[in-house]
Amino acid sequence: MGSMTELGYGWLTPILSYAMAVLGSALGLRCTVRALAAEGRSKRNWLLTAAAAIGSGIWTMHFVAMLGFSVTGSEIRYDVPLTVLSLLVAVGFVALGVFAVGYGRHRGRALLLGGLTTGLGVAAMHYLGMYALHLHGTVGYRPTVVAVSVLIAVVAATAALWAGLNIHGPVAAGAAALVMGVAVSSMHYTGMAAVTVALRPEQGTLPGATVMQFVFPLTVGLGSFLFLTAAFVALSPTARERAAAAGAEQLRAQAAPATASASPSL
């Protein structure tokens, strides 16, 4: 049995990983709310942005946390195609969830479906990402703890979507993002508690890339994407603001002829 730690850099990686989960969730939930007030292509684009934000956020959370993971007596590498696939799975599952919420006619049923799909996406991303991990030995799991981790993801994701869609205002949006961050982080560390490692040090060179060769640069890139997208969303006017601006412009247009006719002739 290998000796494992998830705090190779102390509390730095858990704190940073939670922050990335919260950022991705806050951005994604905000985009979902914008989508509910939009129509047509705009609605679809907001939902796609929401899926990309939440999916990237939970993936980044996982691999930032994994920066602190080590096993005594073994190097750790990652299978590059599987690692990329875990990101695509996260975004794909979350897309199914937010589109169910965005286009669902029955809000309660759509919320349950969205929470279930999003929670399963978090779990699928985690375990696929763990499957991409290579070390000198074999990785096993305690089934009961795995089941608990999946349940945590589904319940907390549903609660976060409910809060984001039913309680309005910046405080509610922040609280929903914090809940979603807890969902992702709790699922991750519960899932890691299910891990067992049986070392076989006699094995040769491990396949795949090290964390610093591949995972770290991709994580930094996705983190930058989240920050830039958050800035774009924050600066974009809401549907209510666009309607107010259009109404003000219409009033100015209507007032212009009257002003012109009331002006004295020279």
Protein backbone atom coordinates (compact mmCIF):
# COMPACT_ATOMS: atom_id res chain seq x y z
CA MET A 1 0.00 0.00 0.00
CA GLY A 2 1.49 3.33 -1.04
CA SER A 3 1.59 6.35 1.27
CA MET A 4 -0.39 9.18 -0.34
CA THR A 5 -0.76 12.87 0.35
CA GLU A 6 -2.96 15.51 -1.23
CA LEU A 7 -1.28 18.41 0.55
CA GLY A 8 2.11 18.37 -1.12
CA TYR A 9 2.06 22.19 -1.10
CA GLY A 10 0.16 22.56 2.16
CA TRP A 11 -3.24 24.24 1.98
CA LEU A 12 -2.28 26.20 -1.14
CA THR A 13 -3.69 23.73 -3.66
CA PRO A 14 -7.01 23.09 -1.82
CA ILE A 15 -7.62 26.83 -1.47
CA LEU A 16 -6.70 27.61 -5.07
CA SER A 17 -8.71 24.68 -6.40
CA TYR A 18 -11.79 25.77 -4.45
CA ALA A 19 -11.37 29.32 -5.77
CA MET A 20 -11.29 28.02 -9.35
CA ALA A 21 -14.42 25.95 -8.75
CA VAL A 22 -16.22 28.99 -7.33
CA LEU A 23 -15.12 31.23 -10.20
CA GLY A 24 -16.24 28.76 -12.84
CA SER A 25 -19.53 28.15 -11.05
CA ALA A 26 -20.28 31.84 -10.50
CA LEU A 27 -19.61 32.60 -14.15
CA GLY A 28 -21.60 29.60 -15.39
CA LEU A 29 -24.62 30.26 -13.18
CA ARG A 30 -24.59 33.93 -14.19
CA CYS A 31 -24.56 32.96 -17.85
CA THR A 32 -27.43 30.53 -17.24
CA VAL A 33 -29.50 33.30 -15.66
CA ARG A 34 -28.71 35.54 -18.65
CA ALA A 35 -29.82 32.73 -20.96
CA LEU A 36 -33.21 32.46 -19.27
CA ALA A 37 -33.88 36.11 -20.14
CA ALA A 38 -32.72 35.73 -23.75
CA GLU A 39 -34.17 34.17 -26.89
CA GLY A 40 -32.90 32.45 -30.02
CA ARG A 41 -29.19 32.46 -30.79
CA SER A 42 -28.38 34.65 -27.79
CA LYS A 43 -29.95 32.09 -25.44
CA ARG A 44 -27.95 29.26 -26.99
CA ASN A 45 -24.70 31.21 -26.81
CA TRP A 46 -25.18 32.08 -23.14
CA LEU A 47 -25.86 28.42 -22.34
CA LEU A 48 -22.76 27.30 -24.27
CA THR A 49 -20.70 29.86 -22.36
CA ALA A 50 -22.19 28.61 -19.09
CA ALA A 51 -21.27 25.01 -19.93
CA ALA A 52 -17.72 25.98 -20.91
CA ALA A 53 -17.28 28.02 -17.72
CA ILE A 54 -18.62 25.43 -15.29
CA GLY A 55 -16.93 22.52 -17.08
CA SER A 56 -13.58 24.32 -17.23
CA GLY A 57 -13.95 25.41 -13.63
CA ILE A 58 -14.52 21.92 -12.24
CA TRP A 59 -11.76 20.46 -14.42
CA THR A 60 -9.32 23.16 -13.31
CA MET A 61 -10.35 22.59 -9.69
CA HIS A 62 -9.56 18.88 -9.99
CA PHE A 63 -6.14 19.27 -11.51
CA VAL A 64 -5.07 22.19 -9.33
CA ALA A 65 -5.90 19.95 -6.38
CA MET A 66 -3.95 17.11 -8.02
CA LEU A 67 -0.84 19.30 -8.10
CA GLY A 68 -0.55 18.52 -4.39
CA PHE A 69 -1.11 14.77 -4.83
CA SER A 70 1.88 12.47 -4.48
CA VAL A 71 2.56 8.82 -3.69
CA THR A 72 5.68 7.90 -1.77
CA GLY A 73 7.90 5.65 -3.86
CA SER A 74 6.41 6.48 -7.27
CA GLU A 75 6.51 9.14 -9.93
CA ILE A 76 3.14 10.34 -11.28
CA ARG A 77 2.34 10.98 -14.93
CA TYR A 78 -0.85 11.64 -16.89
CA ASP A 79 -2.17 10.19 -20.12
CA VAL A 80 -2.59 13.28 -22.34
CA PRO A 81 -5.55 12.15 -24.52
CA LEU A 82 -7.50 10.88 -21.51
CA THR A 83 -6.80 14.08 -19.58
CA VAL A 84 -8.13 16.18 -22.47
CA LEU A 85 -11.10 13.81 -22.77
CA SER A 86 -11.92 14.38 -19.09
CA LEU A 87 -12.19 18.13 -19.84
CA LEU A 88 -14.49 17.50 -22.81
CA VAL A 89 -16.63 15.14 -20.72
CA ALA A 90 -16.99 17.79 -18.02
CA VAL A 91 -18.08 20.46 -20.50
CA GLY A 92 -20.37 18.03 -22.36
CA PHE A 93 -22.22 16.80 -19.27
CA VAL A 94 -22.61 20.31 -17.90
CA ALA A 95 -23.92 21.44 -21.31
CA LEU A 96 -26.65 18.80 -21.08
CA GLY A 97 -27.51 20.06 -17.61
CA VAL A 98 -27.69 23.77 -18.36
CA PHE A 99 -29.54 23.22 -21.65
CA ALA A 100 -32.09 21.14 -19.73
CA VAL A 101 -32.57 24.06 -17.34
CA GLY A 102 -32.50 26.68 -20.10
CA TYR A 103 -35.03 25.01 -22.42
CA GLY A 104 -37.05 22.91 -19.97
CA ARG A 105 -40.74 23.82 -19.88
CA HIS A 106 -41.33 22.35 -16.44
CA ARG A 107 -38.91 24.19 -14.14
CA GLY A 108 -38.86 21.60 -11.35
CA ARG A 109 -38.29 18.63 -13.66
CA ALA A 110 -35.68 20.56 -15.65
CA LEU A 111 -33.86 21.51 -12.45
CA LEU A 112 -33.70 17.91 -11.25
CA LEU A 113 -32.47 16.74 -14.64
CA GLY A 114 -29.94 19.57 -14.82
CA GLY A 115 -28.65 18.88 -11.30
CA LEU A 116 -28.39 15.15 -11.96
CA THR A 117 -26.55 15.63 -15.25
CA THR A 118 -24.21 18.29 -13.88
CA GLY A 119 -23.42 16.22 -10.78
CA LEU A 120 -22.73 13.14 -12.86
CA GLY A 121 -20.52 15.27 -15.09
CA VAL A 122 -18.45 16.34 -12.08
CA ALA A 123 -18.08 12.70 -11.03
CA ALA A 124 -17.31 11.45 -14.55
CA MET A 125 -14.64 14.12 -15.01
CA HIS A 126 -13.04 13.22 -11.68
CA TYR A 127 -12.82 9.48 -12.21
CA LEU A 128 -11.81 9.77 -15.85
CA GLY A 129 -9.08 12.18 -14.77
CA MET A 130 -7.97 9.65 -12.16
CA TYR A 131 -7.98 6.91 -14.80
CA ALA A 132 -5.55 9.06 -16.79
CA LEU A 133 -3.09 8.93 -13.86
CA HIS A 134 -0.11 6.58 -14.20
CA LEU A 135 2.13 5.46 -11.34
CA HIS A 136 4.29 2.48 -10.41
CA GLY A 137 1.42 0.33 -9.21
CA THR A 138 -2.34 0.06 -9.44
CA VAL A 139 -5.04 2.44 -8.26
CA GLY A 140 -8.13 0.98 -6.58
CA TYR A 141 -11.29 2.46 -5.05
CA ARG A 142 -13.56 1.79 -2.08
CA PRO A 143 -16.99 1.43 -3.75
CA THR A 144 -19.03 2.84 -0.85
CA VAL A 145 -16.96 6.02 -0.70
CA VAL A 146 -17.20 6.38 -4.49
CA ALA A 147 -21.00 6.18 -4.26
CA VAL A 148 -21.02 8.84 -1.53
CA SER A 149 -18.84 11.13 -3.65
CA VAL A 150 -21.23 10.87 -6.61
CA LEU A 151 -24.24 11.54 -4.36
CA ILE A 152 -22.54 14.63 -2.93
CA ALA A 153 -21.90 15.95 -6.44
CA VAL A 154 -25.50 15.45 -7.61
CA VAL A 155 -27.19 16.88 -4.51
CA ALA A 156 -24.94 19.91 -4.20
CA ALA A 157 -25.05 20.67 -7.94
CA THR A 158 -28.87 20.57 -7.86
CA ALA A 159 -28.92 22.88 -4.83
CA ALA A 160 -26.54 25.31 -6.54
CA LEU A 161 -28.65 25.44 -9.74
CA TRP A 162 -31.79 25.98 -7.69
CA ALA A 163 -30.22 28.84 -5.74
CA GLY A 164 -28.80 30.43 -8.87
CA LEU A 165 -32.11 30.32 -10.73
CA ASN A 166 -34.60 31.10 -7.97
CA ILE A 167 -32.87 33.60 -5.69
CA HIS A 168 -31.95 36.86 -7.43
CA GLY A 169 -29.30 39.42 -6.65
CA PRO A 170 -25.50 39.42 -6.33
CA VAL A 171 -25.54 37.92 -2.84
CA ALA A 172 -27.63 34.96 -4.02
CA ALA A 173 -25.39 34.46 -7.05
CA GLY A 174 -22.34 34.47 -4.83
CA ALA A 175 -23.93 32.03 -2.40
CA ALA A 176 -24.90 29.67 -5.23
CA ALA A 177 -21.34 29.72 -6.56
CA LEU A 178 -19.98 28.95 -3.09
CA VAL A 179 -22.35 25.99 -2.83
CA MET A 180 -21.28 24.72 -6.25
CA GLY A 181 -17.65 25.14 -5.21
CA VAL A 182 -18.36 23.06 -2.13
CA ALA A 183 -20.03 20.45 -4.36
CA VAL A 184 -17.01 20.08 -6.60
CA SER A 185 -14.43 20.21 -3.81
CA SER A 186 -16.34 17.85 -1.53
CA MET A 187 -16.83 15.40 -4.36
CA HIS A 188 -13.12 15.56 -5.24
CA TYR A 189 -11.77 15.00 -1.75
CA THR A 190 -14.37 12.37 -0.94
CA GLY A 191 -13.41 10.62 -4.17
CA MET A 192 -9.74 10.84 -3.22
CA ALA A 193 -10.56 9.29 0.15
CA ALA A 194 -11.79 6.26 -1.80
CA VAL A 195 -8.40 5.77 -3.48
CA THR A 196 -6.04 2.92 -2.61
CA VAL A 197 -2.64 2.40 -4.22
CA ALA A 198 -0.73 -0.89 -4.46
CA LEU A 199 2.87 -0.05 -5.44
CA ARG A 200 5.00 -2.11 -7.82
CA PRO A 201 8.32 -0.19 -7.91
CA GLU A 202 9.96 -2.70 -10.25
CA GLN A 203 8.04 -1.32 -13.24
CA GLY A 204 9.94 0.62 -15.94
CA THR A 205 9.50 4.15 -17.22
CA LEU A 206 5.98 5.50 -16.89
CA PRO A 207 4.09 6.63 -20.01
CA GLY A 208 2.47 10.03 -20.28
CA ALA A 209 3.41 13.58 -19.28
CA THR A 210 4.33 15.01 -15.91
CA VAL A 211 2.14 17.61 -14.21
CA MET A 212 4.49 20.46 -15.14
CA GLN A 213 4.85 19.31 -18.75
CA PHE A 214 1.15 19.24 -19.59
CA VAL A 215 -1.42 19.58 -16.81
CA PHE A 216 -0.03 22.77 -15.25
CA PRO A 217 0.16 24.77 -18.54
CA LEU A 218 -3.36 23.65 -19.52
CA THR A 219 -4.67 24.55 -16.08
CA VAL A 220 -3.14 28.03 -16.30
CA GLY A 221 -4.65 28.47 -19.76
CA LEU A 222 -8.13 27.49 -18.60
CA GLY A 223 -7.81 29.69 -15.53
CA SER A 224 -6.98 32.63 -17.79
CA PHE A 225 -9.99 31.77 -19.96
CA LEU A 226 -12.25 31.87 -16.91
CA PHE A 227 -10.95 35.24 -15.74
CA LEU A 228 -11.27 36.81 -19.20
CA THR A 229 -14.76 35.39 -19.72
CA ALA A 230 -15.81 36.61 -16.27
CA ALA A 231 -14.66 40.11 -17.22
CA PHE A 232 -16.61 39.92 -20.50
CA VAL A 233 -19.79 38.80 -18.75
CA ALA A 234 -19.44 41.45 -16.07
CA LEU A 235 -19.12 44.18 -18.72
CA SER A 236 -21.92 42.85 -20.96
CA PRO A 237 -25.31 44.52 -20.45
CA THR A 238 -28.15 42.35 -19.22
CA ALA A 239 -31.39 41.94 -21.16
CA ARG A 240 -33.07 44.42 -18.78
CA GLU A 241 -30.29 46.97 -19.32
CA ARG A 242 -30.51 46.56 -23.11
CA ALA A 243 -34.28 47.01 -22.97
CA ALA A 244 -33.91 50.15 -20.85
CA ALA A 245 -31.31 51.57 -23.25
CA ALA A 246 -33.55 50.81 -26.24
CA GLY A 247 -36.51 52.47 -24.50
CA ALA A 248 -34.46 55.57 -23.72
CA GLU A 249 -33.26 55.76 -27.34
CA GLN A 250 -36.83 55.45 -28.59
CA LEU A 251 -37.97 58.28 -26.32
CA ARG A 252 -35.13 60.47 -27.57
CA ALA A 253 -36.09 59.69 -31.18
CA GLN A 254 -39.72 60.59 -30.50
CA ALA A 255 -38.75 63.81 -28.75
CA ALA A 256 -36.43 65.01 -31.51
CA PRO A 257 -39.14 66.01 -34.09
CA ALA A 258 -41.14 67.82 -31.44
CA THR A 259 -38.09 69.79 -30.34
CA ALA A 260 -37.26 70.69 -33.93
CA SER A 261 -40.81 71.95 -34.68
CA ALA A 262 -40.89 74.03 -31.48
CA SER A 263 -37.63 75.85 -32.36
CA PRO A 264 -38.29 79.50 -33.53
CA SER A 265 -37.56 80.31 -37.18
CA LEU A 266 -34.93 82.95 -37.91
